Amino acid sequence: MKVDSSPDSYIGSVAGGPQKTAATPAAGADIAAAAGPAAAAKPQAGVTVTLSSTSQSMAAGSGSSDVFNAEKVEAMKLAIANGTFQVNAEAIADKMLSNAAEMLSAGRA
């Protein structure tokens, strides 16, 4: 099995994944250049995404509530910049344990 060391080797192989820009022309570039500008300007194929009715209703309902508190985020940024931000390890551990318990119970259901 060949192991590719480039970080996006898998992502680039997936349909619609990011493409690397080449510094040198690709092997087919000579053919495209000979065919004229119409062949070179051919649009890339895209992927169509459709949302279920449930996800559409959730997206429509989420517009009324804020996802985060901008004032709290700004206060945290200032505390981090000033070096006064205190991490509450107990609260983080409690949240991690509750998330793990929720995931385990959802896996059994």
PDB file of N, CA and C in Angstrom:
ATOM      1  N   MET A   1       0.844  -1.174   0.000  1.00  0.00           N
ATOM      2  CA  MET A   1       0.000   0.000   0.000  1.00  0.00           C
ATOM      3  C   MET A   1       0.885   1.232   0.000  1.00  0.00           C
ATOM      4  N   LYS A   2       0.611   2.161  -0.894  1.00  0.00           N
ATOM      5  CA  LYS A   2       1.378   3.391  -0.994  1.00  0.00           C
ATOM      6  C   LYS A   2       0.828   4.425  -0.021  1.00  0.00           C
ATOM      7  N   VAL A   3       1.724   5.060   0.723  1.00  0.00           N
ATOM      8  CA  VAL A   3       1.326   6.096   1.663  1.00  0.00           C
ATOM      9  C   VAL A   3       1.767   7.429   1.096  1.00  0.00           C
ATOM     10  N   ASP A   4       0.805   8.321   0.895  1.00  0.00           N
ATOM     11  CA  ASP A   4       1.087   9.638   0.352  1.00  0.00           C
ATOM     12  C   ASP A   4       1.258  10.604   1.515  1.00  0.00           C
ATOM     13  N   SER A   5       2.315  11.376   1.499  1.00  0.00           N
ATOM     14  CA  SER A   5       2.591  12.267   2.625  1.00  0.00           C
ATOM     15  C   SER A   5       1.930  13.625   2.497  1.00  0.00           C
ATOM     16  N   SER A   6       1.253  13.892   1.382  1.00  0.00           N
ATOM     17  CA  SER A   6       0.617  15.196   1.261  1.00  0.00           C
ATOM     18  C   SER A   6      -0.623  15.230   2.144  1.00  0.00           C
ATOM     19  N   PRO A   7      -0.888  16.342   2.841  1.00  0.00           N
ATOM     20  CA  PRO A   7      -1.973  16.403   3.807  1.00  0.00           C
ATOM     21  C   PRO A   7      -3.361  16.312   3.183  1.00  0.00           C
ATOM     22  N   ASP A   8      -3.505  16.683   1.916  1.00  0.00           N
ATOM     23  CA  ASP A   8      -4.835  16.660   1.317  1.00  0.00           C
ATOM     24  C   ASP A   8      -4.952  15.586   0.241  1.00  0.00           C
ATOM     25  N   SER A   9      -4.194  14.508   0.365  1.00  0.00           N
ATOM     26  CA  SER A   9      -4.253  13.468  -0.652  1.00  0.00           C
ATOM     27  C   SER A   9      -5.631  12.821  -0.696  1.00  0.00           C
ATOM     28  N   TYR A  10      -6.254  12.592   0.450  1.00  0.00           N
ATOM     29  CA  TYR A  10      -7.584  12.001   0.466  1.00  0.00           C
ATOM     30  C   TYR A  10      -8.635  13.008   0.036  1.00  0.00           C
ATOM     31  N   ILE A  11      -8.533  14.228   0.544  1.00  0.00           N
ATOM     32  CA  ILE A  11      -9.524  15.250   0.253  1.00  0.00           C
ATOM     33  C   ILE A  11      -9.559  15.554  -1.238  1.00  0.00           C
ATOM     34  N   GLY A  12      -8.388  15.619  -1.855  1.00  0.00           N
ATOM     35  CA  GLY A  12      -8.337  15.915  -3.274  1.00  0.00           C
ATOM     36  C   GLY A  12      -8.922  14.812  -4.123  1.00  0.00           C
ATOM     37  N   SER A  13      -8.941  13.586  -3.609  1.00  0.00           N
ATOM     38  CA  SER A  13      -9.479  12.481  -4.384  1.00  0.00           C
ATOM     39  C   SER A  13     -10.993  12.384  -4.284  1.00  0.00           C
ATOM     40  N   VAL A  14     -11.601  13.063  -3.321  1.00  0.00           N
ATOM     41  CA  VAL A  14     -13.045  13.038  -3.152  1.00  0.00           C
ATOM     42  C   VAL A  14     -13.669  13.977  -4.183  1.00  0.00           C
ATOM     43  N   ALA A  15     -14.789  13.597  -4.723  1.00  0.00           N
ATOM     44  CA  ALA A  15     -15.450  14.422  -5.732  1.00  0.00           C
ATOM     45  C   ALA A  15     -15.706  15.811  -5.189  1.00  0.00           C
ATOM     46  N   GLY A  16     -15.280  16.808  -5.926  1.00  0.00           N
ATOM     47  CA  GLY A  16     -15.492  18.184  -5.518  1.00  0.00           C
ATOM     48  C   GLY A  16     -14.491  18.670  -4.490  1.00  0.00           C
ATOM     49  N   GLY A  17     -13.481  17.873  -4.173  1.00  0.00           N
ATOM     50  CA  GLY A  17     -12.473  18.262  -3.190  1.00  0.00           C
ATOM     51  C   GLY A  17     -11.590  19.360  -3.729  1.00  0.00           C
ATOM     52  N   PRO A  18     -10.778  19.961  -2.858  1.00  0.00           N
ATOM     53  CA  PRO A  18      -9.925  21.053  -3.303  1.00  0.00           C
ATOM     54  C   PRO A  18      -8.881  20.569  -4.294  1.00  0.00           C
ATOM     55  N   GLN A  19      -8.581  21.406  -5.252  1.00  0.00           N
ATOM     56  CA  GLN A  19      -7.583  21.083  -6.261  1.00  0.00           C
ATOM     57  C   GLN A  19      -6.349  21.935  -6.022  1.00  0.00           C
ATOM     58  N   LYS A  20      -5.171  21.336  -6.154  1.00  0.00           N
ATOM     59  CA  LYS A  20      -3.933  22.093  -6.026  1.00  0.00           C
ATOM     60  C   LYS A  20      -3.711  22.892  -7.298  1.00  0.00           C
ATOM     61  N   THR A  21      -3.186  24.088  -7.146  1.00  0.00           N
ATOM     62  CA  THR A  21      -2.836  24.851  -8.327  1.00  0.00           C
ATOM     63  C   THR A  21      -1.423  24.472  -8.719  1.00  0.00           C
ATOM     64  N   ALA A  22      -1.241  24.166  -9.960  1.00  0.00           N
ATOM     65  CA  ALA A  22       0.058  23.704 -10.430  1.00  0.00           C
ATOM     66  C   ALA A  22       0.896  24.883 -10.889  1.00  0.00           C
ATOM     67  N   ALA A  23       2.168  24.860 -10.539  1.00  0.00           N
ATOM     68  CA  ALA A  23       3.084  25.903 -10.976  1.00  0.00           C
ATOM     69  C   ALA A  23       3.469  25.687 -12.429  1.00  0.00           C
ATOM     70  N   THR A  24       3.467  24.425 -12.851  1.00  0.00           N
ATOM     71  CA  THR A  24       3.773  24.102 -14.236  1.00  0.00           C
ATOM     72  C   THR A  24       2.511  23.581 -14.894  1.00  0.00           C
ATOM     73  N   PRO A  25       2.363  23.740 -16.189  1.00  0.00           N
ATOM     74  CA  PRO A  25       1.153  23.271 -16.854  1.00  0.00           C
ATOM     75  C   PRO A  25       1.006  21.767 -16.753  1.00  0.00           C
ATOM     76  N   ALA A  26      -0.231  21.322 -16.662  1.00  0.00           N
ATOM     77  CA  ALA A  26      -0.509  19.892 -16.594  1.00  0.00           C
ATOM     78  C   ALA A  26      -0.299  19.272 -17.959  1.00  0.00           C
ATOM     79  N   ALA A  27      -0.297  17.948 -18.005  1.00  0.00           N
ATOM     80  CA  ALA A  27      -0.035  17.248 -19.255  1.00  0.00           C
ATOM     81  C   ALA A  27      -1.081  17.576 -20.305  1.00  0.00           C
ATOM     82  N   GLY A  28      -2.328  17.779 -19.911  1.00  0.00           N
ATOM     83  CA  GLY A  28      -3.391  18.079 -20.867  1.00  0.00           C
ATOM     84  C   GLY A  28      -3.501  19.547 -21.204  1.00  0.00           C
ATOM     85  N   ALA A  29      -2.670  20.400 -20.650  1.00  0.00           N
ATOM     86  CA  ALA A  29      -2.754  21.835 -20.890  1.00  0.00           C
ATOM     87  C   ALA A  29      -2.434  22.179 -22.334  1.00  0.00           C
ATOM     88  N   ASP A  30      -1.510  21.448 -22.947  1.00  0.00           N
ATOM     89  CA  ASP A  30      -1.167  21.707 -24.337  1.00  0.00           C
ATOM     90  C   ASP A  30      -2.366  21.445 -25.240  1.00  0.00           C
ATOM     91  N   ILE A  31      -3.116  20.412 -24.942  1.00  0.00           N
ATOM     92  CA  ILE A  31      -4.285  20.064 -25.738  1.00  0.00           C
ATOM     93  C   ILE A  31      -5.356  21.129 -25.566  1.00  0.00           C
ATOM     94  N   ALA A  32      -5.572  21.598 -24.323  1.00  0.00           N
ATOM     95  CA  ALA A  32      -6.579  22.622 -24.056  1.00  0.00           C
ATOM     96  C   ALA A  32      -6.199  23.936 -24.725  1.00  0.00           C
ATOM     97  N   ALA A  33      -4.927  24.274 -24.705  1.00  0.00           N
ATOM     98  CA  ALA A  33      -4.477  25.514 -25.331  1.00  0.00           C
ATOM     99  C   ALA A  33      -4.655  25.439 -26.844  1.00  0.00           C
ATOM    100  N   ALA A  34      -4.431  24.273 -27.440  1.00  0.00           N
ATOM    101  CA  ALA A  34      -4.578  24.107 -28.878  1.00  0.00           C
ATOM    102  C   ALA A  34      -6.046  24.144 -29.279  1.00  0.00           C
ATOM    103  N   ALA A  35      -6.946  23.722 -28.380  1.00  0.00           N
ATOM    104  CA  ALA A  35      -8.366  23.689 -28.696  1.00  0.00           C
ATOM    105  C   ALA A  35      -8.990  25.069 -28.665  1.00  0.00           C
ATOM    106  N   GLY A  36      -8.319  26.024 -28.058  1.00  0.00           N
ATOM    107  CA  GLY A  36      -8.834  27.392 -28.037  1.00  0.00           C
ATOM    108  C   GLY A  36      -9.360  27.777 -26.671  1.00  0.00           C
ATOM    109  N   PRO A  37      -9.754  29.055 -26.504  1.00  0.00           N
ATOM    110  CA  PRO A  37     -10.204  29.548 -25.207  1.00  0.00           C
ATOM    111  C   PRO A  37     -11.511  28.924 -24.739  1.00  0.00           C
ATOM    112  N   ALA A  38     -12.355  28.473 -25.641  1.00  0.00           N
ATOM    113  CA  ALA A  38     -13.623  27.878 -25.226  1.00  0.00           C
ATOM    114  C   ALA A  38     -13.393  26.601 -24.433  1.00  0.00           C
ATOM    115  N   ALA A  39     -12.417  25.797 -24.823  1.00  0.00           N
ATOM    116  CA  ALA A  39     -12.120  24.562 -24.110  1.00  0.00           C
ATOM    117  C   ALA A  39     -11.457  24.860 -22.773  1.00  0.00           C
ATOM    118  N   ALA A  40     -10.651  25.910 -22.699  1.00  0.00           N
ATOM    119  CA  ALA A  40      -9.959  26.240 -21.466  1.00  0.00           C
ATOM    120  C   ALA A  40     -10.922  26.816 -20.431  1.00  0.00           C
ATOM    121  N   ALA A  41     -12.013  27.440 -20.860  1.00  0.00           N
ATOM    122  CA  ALA A  41     -12.960  28.073 -19.948  1.00  0.00           C
ATOM    123  C   ALA A  41     -14.108  27.148 -19.571  1.00  0.00           C
ATOM    124  N   LYS A  42     -13.981  25.862 -19.775  1.00  0.00           N
ATOM    125  CA  LYS A  42     -15.036  24.897 -19.464  1.00  0.00           C
ATOM    126  C   LYS A  42     -15.272  24.877 -17.956  1.00  0.00           C
ATOM    127  N   PRO A  43     -16.519  25.045 -17.499  1.00  0.00           N
ATOM    128  CA  PRO A  43     -16.791  25.079 -16.050  1.00  0.00           C
ATOM    129  C   PRO A  43     -16.611  23.703 -15.415  1.00  0.00           C
ATOM    130  N   GLN A  44     -16.240  23.716 -14.130  1.00  0.00           N
ATOM    131  CA  GLN A  44     -16.075  22.488 -13.354  1.00  0.00           C
ATOM    132  C   GLN A  44     -17.447  21.970 -12.940  1.00  0.00           C
ATOM    133  N   ALA A  45     -17.581  20.653 -12.847  1.00  0.00           N
ATOM    134  CA  ALA A  45     -18.827  20.056 -12.381  1.00  0.00           C
ATOM    135  C   ALA A  45     -18.968  20.283 -10.887  1.00  0.00           C
ATOM    136  N   GLY A  46     -20.174  20.538 -10.409  1.00  0.00           N
ATOM    137  CA  GLY A  46     -20.407  20.787  -8.985  1.00  0.00           C
ATOM    138  C   GLY A  46     -21.202  19.670  -8.343  1.00  0.00           C
ATOM    139  N   VAL A  47     -21.404  19.800  -7.063  1.00  0.00           N
ATOM    140  CA  VAL A  47     -22.173  18.830  -6.301  1.00  0.00           C
ATOM    141  C   VAL A  47     -23.424  19.534  -5.801  1.00  0.00           C
ATOM    142  N   THR A  48     -24.581  18.933  -6.028  1.00  0.00           N
ATOM    143  CA  THR A  48     -25.838  19.502  -5.574  1.00  0.00           C
ATOM    144  C   THR A  48     -26.163  18.975  -4.182  1.00  0.00           C
ATOM    145  N   VAL A  49     -26.489  19.887  -3.274  1.00  0.00           N
ATOM    146  CA  VAL A  49     -26.829  19.519  -1.898  1.00  0.00           C
ATOM    147  C   VAL A  49     -28.273  19.913  -1.654  1.00  0.00           C
ATOM    148  N   THR A  50     -29.056  18.969  -1.120  1.00  0.00           N
ATOM    149  CA  THR A  50     -30.435  19.269  -0.748  1.00  0.00           C
ATOM    150  C   THR A  50     -30.619  18.985   0.736  1.00  0.00           C
ATOM    151  N   LEU A  51     -31.372  19.849   1.392  1.00  0.00           N
ATOM    152  CA  LEU A  51     -31.628  19.702   2.823  1.00  0.00           C
ATOM    153  C   LEU A  51     -32.988  19.065   3.036  1.00  0.00           C
ATOM    154  N   SER A  52     -33.087  18.233   4.065  1.00  0.00           N
ATOM    155  CA  SER A  52     -34.366  17.630   4.403  1.00  0.00           C
ATOM    156  C   SER A  52     -35.293  18.708   4.956  1.00  0.00           C
ATOM    157  N   SER A  53     -36.579  18.395   5.017  1.00  0.00           N
ATOM    158  CA  SER A  53     -37.544  19.371   5.537  1.00  0.00           C
ATOM    159  C   SER A  53     -37.264  19.690   7.004  1.00  0.00           C
ATOM    160  N   THR A  54     -36.768  18.691   7.751  1.00  0.00           N
ATOM    161  CA  THR A  54     -36.435  18.916   9.159  1.00  0.00           C
ATOM    162  C   THR A  54     -35.290  19.903   9.296  1.00  0.00           C
ATOM    163  N   SER A  55     -34.244  19.717   8.501  1.00  0.00           N
ATOM    164  CA  SER A  55     -33.099  20.623   8.595  1.00  0.00           C
ATOM    165  C   SER A  55     -33.453  22.011   8.079  1.00  0.00           C
ATOM    166  N   GLN A  56     -34.344  22.095   7.086  1.00  0.00           N
ATOM    167  CA  GLN A  56     -34.774  23.401   6.596  1.00  0.00           C
ATOM    168  C   GLN A  56     -35.562  24.147   7.670  1.00  0.00           C
ATOM    169  N   SER A  57     -36.426  23.441   8.396  1.00  0.00           N
ATOM    170  CA  SER A  57     -37.201  24.101   9.448  1.00  0.00           C
ATOM    171  C   SER A  57     -36.310  24.514  10.608  1.00  0.00           C
ATOM    172  N   MET A  58     -35.281  23.708  10.902  1.00  0.00           N
ATOM    173  CA  MET A  58     -34.348  24.068  11.978  1.00  0.00           C
ATOM    174  C   MET A  58     -33.544  25.301  11.589  1.00  0.00           C
ATOM    175  N   ALA A  59     -33.136  25.376  10.336  1.00  0.00           N
ATOM    176  CA  ALA A  59     -32.369  26.530   9.870  1.00  0.00           C
ATOM    177  C   ALA A  59     -33.233  27.786   9.894  1.00  0.00           C
ATOM    178  N   ALA A  60     -34.497  27.658   9.539  1.00  0.00           N
ATOM    179  CA  ALA A  60     -35.395  28.810   9.539  1.00  0.00           C
ATOM    180  C   ALA A  60     -35.668  29.280  10.965  1.00  0.00           C
ATOM    181  N   GLY A  61     -35.769  28.367  11.901  1.00  0.00           N
ATOM    182  CA  GLY A  61     -36.051  28.723  13.288  1.00  0.00           C
ATOM    183  C   GLY A  61     -34.850  29.247  14.037  1.00  0.00           C
ATOM    184  N   SER A  62     -33.647  28.945  13.563  1.00  0.00           N
ATOM    185  CA  SER A  62     -32.449  29.367  14.293  1.00  0.00           C
ATOM    186  C   SER A  62     -32.083  30.817  14.039  1.00  0.00           C
ATOM    187  N   GLY A  63     -32.718  31.462  13.072  1.00  0.00           N
ATOM    188  CA  GLY A  63     -32.401  32.851  12.778  1.00  0.00           C
ATOM    189  C   GLY A  63     -32.819  33.811  13.875  1.00  0.00           C
ATOM    190  N   SER A  64     -33.770  33.420  14.707  1.00  0.00           N
ATOM    191  CA  SER A  64     -34.277  34.322  15.729  1.00  0.00           C
ATOM    192  C   SER A  64     -33.414  34.342  16.990  1.00  0.00           C
ATOM    193  N   SER A  65     -32.612  33.298  17.206  1.00  0.00           N
ATOM    194  CA  SER A  65     -31.797  33.267  18.421  1.00  0.00           C
ATOM    195  C   SER A  65     -30.321  33.376  18.059  1.00  0.00           C
ATOM    196  N   ASP A  66     -29.576  34.048  18.925  1.00  0.00           N
ATOM    197  CA  ASP A  66     -28.146  34.192  18.699  1.00  0.00           C
ATOM    198  C   ASP A  66     -27.435  32.888  19.019  1.00  0.00           C
ATOM    199  N   VAL A  67     -26.434  32.567  18.231  1.00  0.00           N
ATOM    200  CA  VAL A  67     -25.670  31.347  18.446  1.00  0.00           C
ATOM    201  C   VAL A  67     -24.674  31.564  19.583  1.00  0.00           C
ATOM    202  N   PHE A  68     -24.161  32.775  19.705  1.00  0.00           N
ATOM    203  CA  PHE A  68     -23.201  33.082  20.766  1.00  0.00           C
ATOM    204  C   PHE A  68     -23.423  34.503  21.252  1.00  0.00           C
ATOM    205  N   ASN A  69     -22.893  34.771  22.430  1.00  0.00           N
ATOM    206  CA  ASN A  69     -22.998  36.088  23.038  1.00  0.00           C
ATOM    207  C   ASN A  69     -21.740  36.872  22.670  1.00  0.00           C
ATOM    208  N   ALA A  70     -21.874  37.854  21.805  1.00  0.00           N
ATOM    209  CA  ALA A  70     -20.735  38.613  21.307  1.00  0.00           C
ATOM    210  C   ALA A  70     -20.004  39.352  22.430  1.00  0.00           C
ATOM    211  N   GLU A  71     -20.753  39.854  23.416  1.00  0.00           N
ATOM    212  CA  GLU A  71     -20.127  40.562  24.538  1.00  0.00           C
ATOM    213  C   GLU A  71     -19.255  39.619  25.363  1.00  0.00           C
ATOM    214  N   LYS A  72     -19.751  38.408  25.581  1.00  0.00           N
ATOM    215  CA  LYS A  72     -18.988  37.430  26.356  1.00  0.00           C
ATOM    216  C   LYS A  72     -17.725  37.019  25.606  1.00  0.00           C
ATOM    217  N   VAL A  73     -17.847  36.859  24.286  1.00  0.00           N
ATOM    218  CA  VAL A  73     -16.684  36.508  23.471  1.00  0.00           C
ATOM    219  C   VAL A  73     -15.636  37.614  23.543  1.00  0.00           C
ATOM    220  N   GLU A  74     -16.067  38.852  23.457  1.00  0.00           N
ATOM    221  CA  GLU A  74     -15.128  39.985  23.523  1.00  0.00           C
ATOM    222  C   GLU A  74     -14.453  40.056  24.892  1.00  0.00           C
ATOM    223  N   ALA A  75     -15.228  39.810  25.959  1.00  0.00           N
ATOM    224  CA  ALA A  75     -14.654  39.820  27.309  1.00  0.00           C
ATOM    225  C   ALA A  75     -13.608  38.712  27.456  1.00  0.00           C
ATOM    226  N   MET A  76     -13.888  37.537  26.885  1.00  0.00           N
ATOM    227  CA  MET A  76     -12.921  36.431  26.944  1.00  0.00           C
ATOM    228  C   MET A  76     -11.665  36.762  26.159  1.00  0.00           C
ATOM    229  N   LYS A  77     -11.834  37.401  24.984  1.00  0.00           N
ATOM    230  CA  LYS A  77     -10.670  37.798  24.183  1.00  0.00           C
ATOM    231  C   LYS A  77      -9.778  38.746  24.973  1.00  0.00           C
ATOM    232  N   LEU A  78     -10.399  39.713  25.640  1.00  0.00           N
ATOM    233  CA  LEU A  78      -9.625  40.673  26.433  1.00  0.00           C
ATOM    234  C   LEU A  78      -8.922  39.988  27.602  1.00  0.00           C
ATOM    235  N   ALA A  79      -9.617  39.053  28.268  1.00  0.00           N
ATOM    236  CA  ALA A  79      -9.014  38.342  29.394  1.00  0.00           C
ATOM    237  C   ALA A  79      -7.829  37.499  28.932  1.00  0.00           C
ATOM    238  N   ILE A  80      -7.951  36.866  27.779  1.00  0.00           N
ATOM    239  CA  ILE A  80      -6.838  36.073  27.243  1.00  0.00           C
ATOM    240  C   ILE A  80      -5.674  36.979  26.886  1.00  0.00           C
ATOM    241  N   ALA A  81      -5.979  38.112  26.246  1.00  0.00           N
ATOM    242  CA  ALA A  81      -4.920  39.056  25.868  1.00  0.00           C
ATOM    243  C   ALA A  81      -4.211  39.633  27.083  1.00  0.00           C
ATOM    244  N   ASN A  82      -4.966  39.863  28.160  1.00  0.00           N
ATOM    245  CA  ASN A  82      -4.379  40.429  29.380  1.00  0.00           C
ATOM    246  C   ASN A  82      -3.700  39.378  30.245  1.00  0.00           C
ATOM    247  N   GLY A  83      -3.944  38.094  29.939  1.00  0.00           N
ATOM    248  CA  GLY A  83      -3.363  37.022  30.746  1.00  0.00           C
ATOM    249  C   GLY A  83      -4.126  36.759  32.025  1.00  0.00           C
ATOM    250  N   THR A  84      -5.385  37.185  32.079  1.00  0.00           N
ATOM    251  CA  THR A  84      -6.183  36.992  33.285  1.00  0.00           C
ATOM    252  C   THR A  84      -7.272  35.941  33.123  1.00  0.00           C
ATOM    253  N   PHE A  85      -7.332  35.279  31.980  1.00  0.00           N
ATOM    254  CA  PHE A  85      -8.359  34.260  31.733  1.00  0.00           C
ATOM    255  C   PHE A  85      -8.082  33.029  32.582  1.00  0.00           C
ATOM    256  N   GLN A  86      -9.093  32.572  33.317  1.00  0.00           N
ATOM    257  CA  GLN A  86      -8.966  31.389  34.166  1.00  0.00           C
ATOM    258  C   GLN A  86      -9.796  30.257  33.567  1.00  0.00           C
ATOM    259  N   VAL A  87      -9.167  29.120  33.342  1.00  0.00           N
ATOM    260  CA  VAL A  87      -9.856  27.954  32.809  1.00  0.00           C
ATOM    261  C   VAL A  87     -10.515  27.210  33.961  1.00  0.00           C
ATOM    262  N   ASN A  88     -11.794  26.902  33.824  1.00  0.00           N
ATOM    263  CA  ASN A  88     -12.525  26.150  34.830  1.00  0.00           C
ATOM    264  C   ASN A  88     -12.469  24.673  34.437  1.00  0.00           C
ATOM    265  N   ALA A  89     -11.443  23.977  34.911  1.00  0.00           N
ATOM    266  CA  ALA A  89     -11.219  22.582  34.539  1.00  0.00           C
ATOM    267  C   ALA A  89     -12.361  21.687  34.986  1.00  0.00           C
ATOM    268  N   GLU A  90     -12.966  21.984  36.132  1.00  0.00           N
ATOM    269  CA  GLU A  90     -14.067  21.168  36.636  1.00  0.00           C
ATOM    270  C   GLU A  90     -15.274  21.242  35.705  1.00  0.00           C
ATOM    271  N   ALA A  91     -15.601  22.438  35.224  1.00  0.00           N
ATOM    272  CA  ALA A  91     -16.733  22.602  34.313  1.00  0.00           C
ATOM    273  C   ALA A  91     -16.464  21.882  32.990  1.00  0.00           C
ATOM    274  N   ILE A  92     -15.232  21.948  32.512  1.00  0.00           N
ATOM    275  CA  ILE A  92     -14.872  21.262  31.268  1.00  0.00           C
ATOM    276  C   ILE A  92     -14.983  19.748  31.449  1.00  0.00           C
ATOM    277  N   ALA A  93     -14.480  19.237  32.558  1.00  0.00           N
ATOM    278  CA  ALA A  93     -14.551  17.797  32.819  1.00  0.00           C
ATOM    279  C   ALA A  93     -15.997  17.332  32.946  1.00  0.00           C
ATOM    280  N   ASP A  94     -16.835  18.109  33.635  1.00  0.00           N
ATOM    281  CA  ASP A  94     -18.248  17.747  33.775  1.00  0.00           C
ATOM    282  C   ASP A  94     -18.940  17.691  32.412  1.00  0.00           C
ATOM    283  N   LYS A  95     -18.664  18.680  31.566  1.00  0.00           N
ATOM    284  CA  LYS A  95     -19.279  18.721  30.238  1.00  0.00           C
ATOM    285  C   LYS A  95     -18.796  17.554  29.378  1.00  0.00           C
ATOM    286  N   MET A  96     -17.511  17.220  29.465  1.00  0.00           N
ATOM    287  CA  MET A  96     -16.980  16.088  28.696  1.00  0.00           C
ATOM    288  C   MET A  96     -17.630  14.782  29.144  1.00  0.00           C
ATOM    289  N   LEU A  97     -17.797  14.608  30.442  1.00  0.00           N
ATOM    290  CA  LEU A  97     -18.424  13.387  30.958  1.00  0.00           C
ATOM    291  C   LEU A  97     -19.893  13.297  30.541  1.00  0.00           C
ATOM    292  N   SER A  98     -20.614  14.415  30.586  1.00  0.00           N
ATOM    293  CA  SER A  98     -22.020  14.380  30.175  1.00  0.00           C
ATOM    294  C   SER A  98     -22.145  14.117  28.676  1.00  0.00           C
ATOM    295  N   ASN A  99     -21.237  14.670  27.874  1.00  0.00           N
ATOM    296  CA  ASN A  99     -21.259  14.403  26.434  1.00  0.00           C
ATOM    297  C   ASN A  99     -20.956  12.942  26.146  1.00  0.00           C
ATOM    298  N   ALA A 100     -19.994  12.369  26.858  1.00  0.00           N
ATOM    299  CA  ALA A 100     -19.657  10.955  26.676  1.00  0.00           C
ATOM    300  C   ALA A 100     -20.822  10.069  27.066  1.00  0.00           C
ATOM    301  N   ALA A 101     -21.488  10.385  28.187  1.00  0.00           N
ATOM    302  CA  ALA A 101     -22.641   9.607  28.620  1.00  0.00           C
ATOM    303  C   ALA A 101     -23.773   9.701  27.603  1.00  0.00           C
ATOM    304  N   GLU A 102     -23.984  10.886  27.047  1.00  0.00           N
ATOM    305  CA  GLU A 102     -25.026  11.084  26.034  1.00  0.00           C
ATOM    306  C   GLU A 102     -24.714  10.283  24.773  1.00  0.00           C
ATOM    307  N   MET A 103     -23.464  10.282  24.353  1.00  0.00           N
ATOM    308  CA  MET A 103     -23.078   9.526  23.161  1.00  0.00           C
ATOM    309  C   MET A 103     -23.231   8.025  23.386  1.00  0.00           C
ATOM    310  N   LEU A 104     -22.860   7.557  24.569  1.00  0.00           N
ATOM    311  CA  LEU A 104     -22.986   6.128  24.867  1.00  0.00           C
ATOM    312  C   LEU A 104     -24.450   5.704  24.926  1.00  0.00           C
ATOM    313  N   SER A 105     -25.306   6.535  25.517  1.00  0.00           N
ATOM    314  CA  SER A 105     -26.725   6.175  25.606  1.00  0.00           C
ATOM    315  C   SER A 105     -27.392   6.239  24.227  1.00  0.00           C
ATOM    316  N   ALA A 106     -26.955   7.154  23.369  1.00  0.00           N
ATOM    317  CA  ALA A 106     -27.515   7.244  22.020  1.00  0.00           C
ATOM    318  C   ALA A 106     -27.079   6.048  21.179  1.00  0.00           C
ATOM    319  N   GLY A 107     -25.877   5.531  21.443  1.00  0.00           N
ATOM    320  CA  GLY A 107     -25.384   4.371  20.706  1.00  0.00           C
ATOM    321  C   GLY A 107     -26.121   3.104  21.056  1.00  0.00           C
ATOM    322  N   ARG A 108     -26.670   3.017  22.245  1.00  0.00           N
ATOM    323  CA  ARG A 108     -27.388   1.818  22.695  1.00  0.00           C
ATOM    324  C   ARG A 108     -28.852   1.849  22.289  1.00  0.00           C
ATOM    325  N   ALA A 109     -29.364   3.028  21.988  1.00  0.00           N
ATOM    326  CA  ALA A 109     -30.795   3.153  21.660  1.00  0.00           C
ATOM    327  C   ALA A 109     -31.105   2.702  20.258  1.00  0.00           C
TER     328      ALA A 109
END
